[in-house]
Amino acid sequence: MSDAEFNALMELAEAQLKEKVTREEALRSFVEAGILDWDANFREPYTELEGVFAELFLKKKVDPNIDKYI
């Protein structure tokens, strides 16, 4: 992935954070992308992200009340 593609994805993600979506819509988006299964478990090759997200939650870099945003 080029820097330009990465930056475009980051801008898209930031814009989508401002949109109101339901938990179901968010999960569906990740399932359709092949990142999560319907039980919200990471799929291969994204399983390493589970550890990253867990670490971010522990370090409080991600709001543990993220549900209130979606």
PDB file of N, CA and C in Angstrom:
ATOM      1  N   MET A   1       0.856  -1.166   0.000  1.00  0.00           N
ATOM      2  CA  MET A   1       0.000   0.000   0.000  1.00  0.00           C
ATOM      3  C   MET A   1       0.904   1.231   0.000  1.00  0.00           C
ATOM      4  N   SER A   2       0.623   2.142  -0.898  1.00  0.00           N
ATOM      5  CA  SER A   2       1.432   3.355  -0.982  1.00  0.00           C
ATOM      6  C   SER A   2       1.042   4.336   0.122  1.00  0.00           C
ATOM      7  N   ASP A   3       1.889   5.324   0.328  1.00  0.00           N
ATOM      8  CA  ASP A   3       1.581   6.355   1.329  1.00  0.00           C
ATOM      9  C   ASP A   3       0.305   7.101   0.963  1.00  0.00           C
ATOM     10  N   ALA A   4       0.106   7.360  -0.320  1.00  0.00           N
ATOM     11  CA  ALA A   4      -1.095   8.070  -0.762  1.00  0.00           C
ATOM     12  C   ALA A   4      -2.349   7.247  -0.476  1.00  0.00           C
ATOM     13  N   GLU A   5      -2.279   5.934  -0.730  1.00  0.00           N
ATOM     14  CA  GLU A   5      -3.425   5.064  -0.445  1.00  0.00           C
ATOM     15  C   GLU A   5      -3.706   5.010   1.055  1.00  0.00           C
ATOM     16  N   PHE A   6      -2.636   4.901   1.843  1.00  0.00           N
ATOM     17  CA  PHE A   6      -2.791   4.871   3.297  1.00  0.00           C
ATOM     18  C   PHE A   6      -3.434   6.164   3.793  1.00  0.00           C
ATOM     19  N   ASN A   7      -2.945   7.300   3.307  1.00  0.00           N
ATOM     20  CA  ASN A   7      -3.495   8.589   3.730  1.00  0.00           C
ATOM     21  C   ASN A   7      -4.955   8.728   3.328  1.00  0.00           C
ATOM     22  N   ALA A   8      -5.304   8.242   2.142  1.00  0.00           N
ATOM     23  CA  ALA A   8      -6.699   8.293   1.698  1.00  0.00           C
ATOM     24  C   ALA A   8      -7.582   7.443   2.605  1.00  0.00           C
ATOM     25  N   LEU A   9      -7.098   6.262   2.995  1.00  0.00           N
ATOM     26  CA  LEU A   9      -7.860   5.403   3.905  1.00  0.00           C
ATOM     27  C   LEU A   9      -8.014   6.045   5.278  1.00  0.00           C
ATOM     28  N   MET A  10      -6.976   6.699   5.757  1.00  0.00           N
ATOM     29  CA  MET A  10      -7.052   7.372   7.057  1.00  0.00           C
ATOM     30  C   MET A  10      -8.061   8.518   7.012  1.00  0.00           C
ATOM     31  N   GLU A  11      -8.077   9.276   5.927  1.00  0.00           N
ATOM     32  CA  GLU A  11      -9.049  10.359   5.783  1.00  0.00           C
ATOM     33  C   GLU A  11     -10.467   9.805   5.743  1.00  0.00           C
ATOM     34  N   LEU A  12     -10.651   8.704   5.030  1.00  0.00           N
ATOM     35  CA  LEU A  12     -11.961   8.062   4.973  1.00  0.00           C
ATOM     36  C   LEU A  12     -12.384   7.591   6.360  1.00  0.00           C
ATOM     37  N   ALA A  13     -11.465   6.985   7.090  1.00  0.00           N
ATOM     38  CA  ALA A  13     -11.775   6.502   8.445  1.00  0.00           C
ATOM     39  C   ALA A  13     -12.158   7.659   9.357  1.00  0.00           C
ATOM     40  N   GLU A  14     -11.435   8.764   9.272  1.00  0.00           N
ATOM     41  CA  GLU A  14     -11.753   9.928  10.101  1.00  0.00           C
ATOM     42  C   GLU A  14     -13.125  10.489   9.753  1.00  0.00           C
ATOM     43  N   ALA A  15     -13.454  10.525   8.474  1.00  0.00           N
ATOM     44  CA  ALA A  15     -14.771  11.014   8.056  1.00  0.00           C
ATOM     45  C   ALA A  15     -15.867  10.086   8.551  1.00  0.00           C
ATOM     46  N   GLN A  16     -15.618   8.787   8.486  1.00  0.00           N
ATOM     47  CA  GLN A  16     -16.627   7.825   8.922  1.00  0.00           C
ATOM     48  C   GLN A  16     -16.816   7.844  10.432  1.00  0.00           C
ATOM     49  N   LEU A  17     -15.781   8.218  11.182  1.00  0.00           N
ATOM     50  CA  LEU A  17     -15.925   8.325  12.638  1.00  0.00           C
ATOM     51  C   LEU A  17     -16.946   9.394  13.015  1.00  0.00           C
ATOM     52  N   LYS A  18     -17.099  10.376  12.158  1.00  0.00           N
ATOM     53  CA  LYS A  18     -18.047  11.458  12.426  1.00  0.00           C
ATOM     54  C   LYS A  18     -19.476  11.077  12.067  1.00  0.00           C
ATOM     55  N   GLU A  19     -19.635   9.998  11.294  1.00  0.00           N
ATOM     56  CA  GLU A  19     -20.965   9.538  10.908  1.00  0.00           C
ATOM     57  C   GLU A  19     -21.552   8.674  12.015  1.00  0.00           C
ATOM     58  N   LYS A  20     -22.847   8.754  12.189  1.00  0.00           N
ATOM     59  CA  LYS A  20     -23.519   7.901  13.165  1.00  0.00           C
ATOM     60  C   LYS A  20     -23.870   6.584  12.486  1.00  0.00           C
ATOM     61  N   VAL A  21     -23.343   5.507  13.021  1.00  0.00           N
ATOM     62  CA  VAL A  21     -23.669   4.175  12.520  1.00  0.00           C
ATOM     63  C   VAL A  21     -24.040   3.297  13.704  1.00  0.00           C
ATOM     64  N   THR A  22     -24.859   2.320  13.451  1.00  0.00           N
ATOM     65  CA  THR A  22     -25.225   1.393  14.514  1.00  0.00           C
ATOM     66  C   THR A  22     -24.111   0.369  14.694  1.00  0.00           C
ATOM     67  N   ARG A  23     -24.146  -0.304  15.812  1.00  0.00           N
ATOM     68  CA  ARG A  23     -23.171  -1.367  16.069  1.00  0.00           C
ATOM     69  C   ARG A  23     -23.270  -2.436  14.980  1.00  0.00           C
ATOM     70  N   GLU A  24     -24.503  -2.760  14.578  1.00  0.00           N
ATOM     71  CA  GLU A  24     -24.731  -3.761  13.526  1.00  0.00           C
ATOM     72  C   GLU A  24     -24.103  -3.319  12.204  1.00  0.00           C
ATOM     73  N   GLU A  25     -24.274  -2.048  11.847  1.00  0.00           N
ATOM     74  CA  GLU A  25     -23.691  -1.539  10.601  1.00  0.00           C
ATOM     75  C   GLU A  25     -22.162  -1.599  10.651  1.00  0.00           C
ATOM     76  N   ALA A  26     -21.598  -1.254  11.798  1.00  0.00           N
ATOM     77  CA  ALA A  26     -20.142  -1.292  11.942  1.00  0.00           C
ATOM     78  C   ALA A  26     -19.630  -2.723  11.814  1.00  0.00           C
ATOM     79  N   LEU A  27     -20.288  -3.652  12.496  1.00  0.00           N
ATOM     80  CA  LEU A  27     -19.881  -5.057  12.418  1.00  0.00           C
ATOM     81  C   LEU A  27     -20.020  -5.573  10.993  1.00  0.00           C
ATOM     82  N   ARG A  28     -21.136  -5.253  10.346  1.00  0.00           N
ATOM     83  CA  ARG A  28     -21.356  -5.698   8.966  1.00  0.00           C
ATOM     84  C   ARG A  28     -20.232  -5.199   8.056  1.00  0.00           C
ATOM     85  N   SER A  29     -19.808  -3.963   8.259  1.00  0.00           N
ATOM     86  CA  SER A  29     -18.739  -3.397   7.447  1.00  0.00           C
ATOM     87  C   SER A  29     -17.445  -4.194   7.596  1.00  0.00           C
ATOM     88  N   PHE A  30     -17.086  -4.539   8.841  1.00  0.00           N
ATOM     89  CA  PHE A  30     -15.868  -5.312   9.075  1.00  0.00           C
ATOM     90  C   PHE A  30     -16.004  -6.751   8.590  1.00  0.00           C
ATOM     91  N   VAL A  31     -17.196  -7.320   8.697  1.00  0.00           N
ATOM     92  CA  VAL A  31     -17.421  -8.687   8.205  1.00  0.00           C
ATOM     93  C   VAL A  31     -17.308  -8.710   6.685  1.00  0.00           C
ATOM     94  N   GLU A  32     -17.946  -7.742   6.024  1.00  0.00           N
ATOM     95  CA  GLU A  32     -17.889  -7.689   4.559  1.00  0.00           C
ATOM     96  C   GLU A  32     -16.469  -7.469   4.056  1.00  0.00           C
ATOM     97  N   ALA A  33     -15.655  -6.762   4.843  1.00  0.00           N
ATOM     98  CA  ALA A  33     -14.261  -6.535   4.462  1.00  0.00           C
ATOM     99  C   ALA A  33     -13.385  -7.750   4.758  1.00  0.00           C
ATOM    100  N   GLY A  34     -13.953  -8.752   5.471  1.00  0.00           N
ATOM    101  CA  GLY A  34     -13.202  -9.955   5.792  1.00  0.00           C
ATOM    102  C   GLY A  34     -12.283  -9.803   6.992  1.00  0.00           C
ATOM    103  N   ILE A  35     -12.470  -8.732   7.760  1.00  0.00           N
ATOM    104  CA  ILE A  35     -11.612  -8.479   8.913  1.00  0.00           C
ATOM    105  C   ILE A  35     -12.126  -9.208  10.150  1.00  0.00           C
ATOM    106  N   LEU A  36     -13.449  -9.201  10.356  1.00  0.00           N
ATOM    107  CA  LEU A  36     -14.075  -9.864  11.499  1.00  0.00           C
ATOM    108  C   LEU A  36     -15.068 -10.907  11.021  1.00  0.00           C
ATOM    109  N   ASP A  37     -15.367 -11.883  11.903  1.00  0.00           N
ATOM    110  CA  ASP A  37     -16.484 -12.782  11.632  1.00  0.00           C
ATOM    111  C   ASP A  37     -17.707 -12.236  12.374  1.00  0.00           C
ATOM    112  N   TRP A  38     -18.855 -12.897  12.246  1.00  0.00           N
ATOM    113  CA  TRP A  38     -20.085 -12.388  12.854  1.00  0.00           C
ATOM    114  C   TRP A  38     -20.059 -12.424  14.373  1.00  0.00           C
ATOM    115  N   ASP A  39     -19.084 -13.138  14.958  1.00  0.00           N
ATOM    116  CA  ASP A  39     -18.928 -13.147  16.414  1.00  0.00           C
ATOM    117  C   ASP A  39     -17.940 -12.070  16.867  1.00  0.00           C
ATOM    118  N   ALA A  40     -17.545 -11.203  15.932  1.00  0.00           N
ATOM    119  CA  ALA A  40     -16.610 -10.094  16.180  1.00  0.00           C
ATOM    120  C   ALA A  40     -15.197 -10.574  16.502  1.00  0.00           C
ATOM    121  N   ASN A  41     -14.835 -11.743  15.988  1.00  0.00           N
ATOM    122  CA  ASN A  41     -13.468 -12.254  16.122  1.00  0.00           C
ATOM    123  C   ASN A  41     -12.688 -11.894  14.866  1.00  0.00           C
ATOM    124  N   PHE A  42     -11.419 -11.530  15.041  1.00  0.00           N
ATOM    125  CA  PHE A  42     -10.592 -11.210  13.890  1.00  0.00           C
ATOM    126  C   PHE A  42     -10.341 -12.463  13.066  1.00  0.00           C
ATOM    127  N   ARG A  43     -10.355 -12.307  11.739  1.00  0.00           N
ATOM    128  CA  ARG A  43     -10.079 -13.407  10.813  1.00  0.00           C
ATOM    129  C   ARG A  43      -8.652 -13.275  10.313  1.00  0.00           C
ATOM    130  N   GLU A  44      -8.117 -14.379   9.798  1.00  0.00           N
ATOM    131  CA  GLU A  44      -6.786 -14.349   9.184  1.00  0.00           C
ATOM    132  C   GLU A  44      -6.839 -13.422   7.975  1.00  0.00           C
ATOM    133  N   PRO A  45      -5.859 -12.649   7.703  1.00  0.00           N
ATOM    134  CA  PRO A  45      -4.584 -12.464   8.393  1.00  0.00           C
ATOM    135  C   PRO A  45      -4.625 -11.342   9.433  1.00  0.00           C
ATOM    136  N   TYR A  46      -5.802 -10.997   9.907  1.00  0.00           N
ATOM    137  CA  TYR A  46      -5.971  -9.858  10.809  1.00  0.00           C
ATOM    138  C   TYR A  46      -5.940 -10.232  12.286  1.00  0.00           C
ATOM    139  N   THR A  47      -5.682 -11.495  12.600  1.00  0.00           N
ATOM    140  CA  THR A  47      -5.727 -11.938  13.995  1.00  0.00           C
ATOM    141  C   THR A  47      -4.715 -11.203  14.877  1.00  0.00           C
ATOM    142  N   GLU A  48      -3.614 -10.746  14.293  1.00  0.00           N
ATOM    143  CA  GLU A  48      -2.622 -10.003  15.079  1.00  0.00           C
ATOM    144  C   GLU A  48      -3.175  -8.672  15.563  1.00  0.00           C
ATOM    145  N   LEU A  49      -4.173  -8.142  14.863  1.00  0.00           N
ATOM    146  CA  LEU A  49      -4.775  -6.879  15.284  1.00  0.00           C
ATOM    147  C   LEU A  49      -5.479  -7.000  16.628  1.00  0.00           C
ATOM    148  N   GLU A  50      -5.940  -8.197  16.953  1.00  0.00           N
ATOM    149  CA  GLU A  50      -6.624  -8.396  18.227  1.00  0.00           C
ATOM    150  C   GLU A  50      -5.708  -8.004  19.386  1.00  0.00           C
ATOM    151  N   GLY A  51      -4.458  -8.410  19.304  1.00  0.00           N
ATOM    152  CA  GLY A  51      -3.497  -8.046  20.341  1.00  0.00           C
ATOM    153  C   GLY A  51      -3.225  -6.555  20.375  1.00  0.00           C
ATOM    154  N   VAL A  52      -3.162  -5.944  19.206  1.00  0.00           N
ATOM    155  CA  VAL A  52      -2.931  -4.502  19.125  1.00  0.00           C
ATOM    156  C   VAL A  52      -4.091  -3.753  19.761  1.00  0.00           C
ATOM    157  N   PHE A  53      -5.319  -4.153  19.425  1.00  0.00           N
ATOM    158  CA  PHE A  53      -6.486  -3.490  19.999  1.00  0.00           C
ATOM    159  C   PHE A  53      -6.548  -3.701  21.501  1.00  0.00           C
ATOM    160  N   ALA A  54      -6.223  -4.899  21.962  1.00  0.00           N
ATOM    161  CA  ALA A  54      -6.226  -5.176  23.402  1.00  0.00           C
ATOM    162  C   ALA A  54      -5.207  -4.286  24.108  1.00  0.00           C
ATOM    163  N   GLU A  55      -4.035  -4.138  23.511  1.00  0.00           N
ATOM    164  CA  GLU A  55      -2.998  -3.291  24.101  1.00  0.00           C
ATOM    165  C   GLU A  55      -3.437  -1.828  24.130  1.00  0.00           C
ATOM    166  N   LEU A  56      -4.080  -1.366  23.064  1.00  0.00           N
ATOM    167  CA  LEU A  56      -4.560   0.016  23.033  1.00  0.00           C
ATOM    168  C   LEU A  56      -5.604   0.256  24.111  1.00  0.00           C
ATOM    169  N   PHE A  57      -6.497  -0.706  24.313  1.00  0.00           N
ATOM    170  CA  PHE A  57      -7.497  -0.571  25.368  1.00  0.00           C
ATOM    171  C   PHE A  57      -6.823  -0.517  26.736  1.00  0.00           C
ATOM    172  N   LEU A  58      -5.823  -1.373  26.952  1.00  0.00           N
ATOM    173  CA  LEU A  58      -5.129  -1.398  28.241  1.00  0.00           C
ATOM    174  C   LEU A  58      -4.379  -0.097  28.500  1.00  0.00           C
ATOM    175  N   LYS A  59      -3.822   0.486  27.446  1.00  0.00           N
ATOM    176  CA  LYS A  59      -3.088   1.741  27.590  1.00  0.00           C
ATOM    177  C   LYS A  59      -4.016   2.946  27.503  1.00  0.00           C
ATOM    178  N   LYS A  60      -5.307   2.681  27.345  1.00  0.00           N
ATOM    179  CA  LYS A  60      -6.341   3.714  27.281  1.00  0.00           C
ATOM    180  C   LYS A  60      -6.143   4.673  26.109  1.00  0.00           C
ATOM    181  N   LYS A  61      -5.529   4.159  25.030  1.00  0.00           N
ATOM    182  CA  LYS A  61      -5.418   4.963  23.823  1.00  0.00           C
ATOM    183  C   LYS A  61      -6.675   4.833  22.985  1.00  0.00           C
ATOM    184  N   VAL A  62      -7.501   3.858  23.327  1.00  0.00           N
ATOM    185  CA  VAL A  62      -8.801   3.691  22.684  1.00  0.00           C
ATOM    186  C   VAL A  62      -9.827   3.749  23.797  1.00  0.00           C
ATOM    187  N   ASP A  63     -10.855   4.531  23.600  1.00  0.00           N
ATOM    188  CA  ASP A  63     -11.898   4.679  24.612  1.00  0.00           C
ATOM    189  C   ASP A  63     -12.605   3.345  24.812  1.00  0.00           C
ATOM    190  N   PRO A  64     -12.589   2.780  26.031  1.00  0.00           N
ATOM    191  CA  PRO A  64     -13.269   1.498  26.260  1.00  0.00           C
ATOM    192  C   PRO A  64     -14.778   1.600  26.091  1.00  0.00           C
ATOM    193  N   ASN A  65     -15.288   2.812  26.072  1.00  0.00           N
ATOM    194  CA  ASN A  65     -16.719   3.031  25.855  1.00  0.00           C
ATOM    195  C   ASN A  65     -16.991   3.362  24.398  1.00  0.00           C
ATOM    196  N   ILE A  66     -16.230   2.759  23.503  1.00  0.00           N
ATOM    197  CA  ILE A  66     -16.345   3.034  22.075  1.00  0.00           C
ATOM    198  C   ILE A  66     -17.759   2.821  21.562  1.00  0.00           C
ATOM    199  N   ASP A  67     -18.516   1.950  22.233  1.00  0.00           N
ATOM    200  CA  ASP A  67     -19.890   1.680  21.811  1.00  0.00           C
ATOM    201  C   ASP A  67     -20.730   2.944  21.764  1.00  0.00           C
ATOM    202  N   LYS A  68     -20.419   3.919  22.605  1.00  0.00           N
ATOM    203  CA  LYS A  68     -21.232   5.135  22.614  1.00  0.00           C
ATOM    204  C   LYS A  68     -21.031   5.955  21.342  1.00  0.00           C
ATOM    205  N   TYR A  69     -19.954   5.669  20.601  1.00  0.00           N
ATOM    206  CA  TYR A  69     -19.686   6.402  19.373  1.00  0.00           C
ATOM    207  C   TYR A  69     -20.318   5.758  18.153  1.00  0.00           C
ATOM    208  N   ILE A  70     -20.732   4.499  18.294  1.00  0.00           N
ATOM    209  CA  ILE A  70     -21.318   3.804  17.142  1.00  0.00           C
ATOM    210  C   ILE A  70     -22.737   3.402  17.431  1.00  0.00           C
TER     211      ILE A  70
END
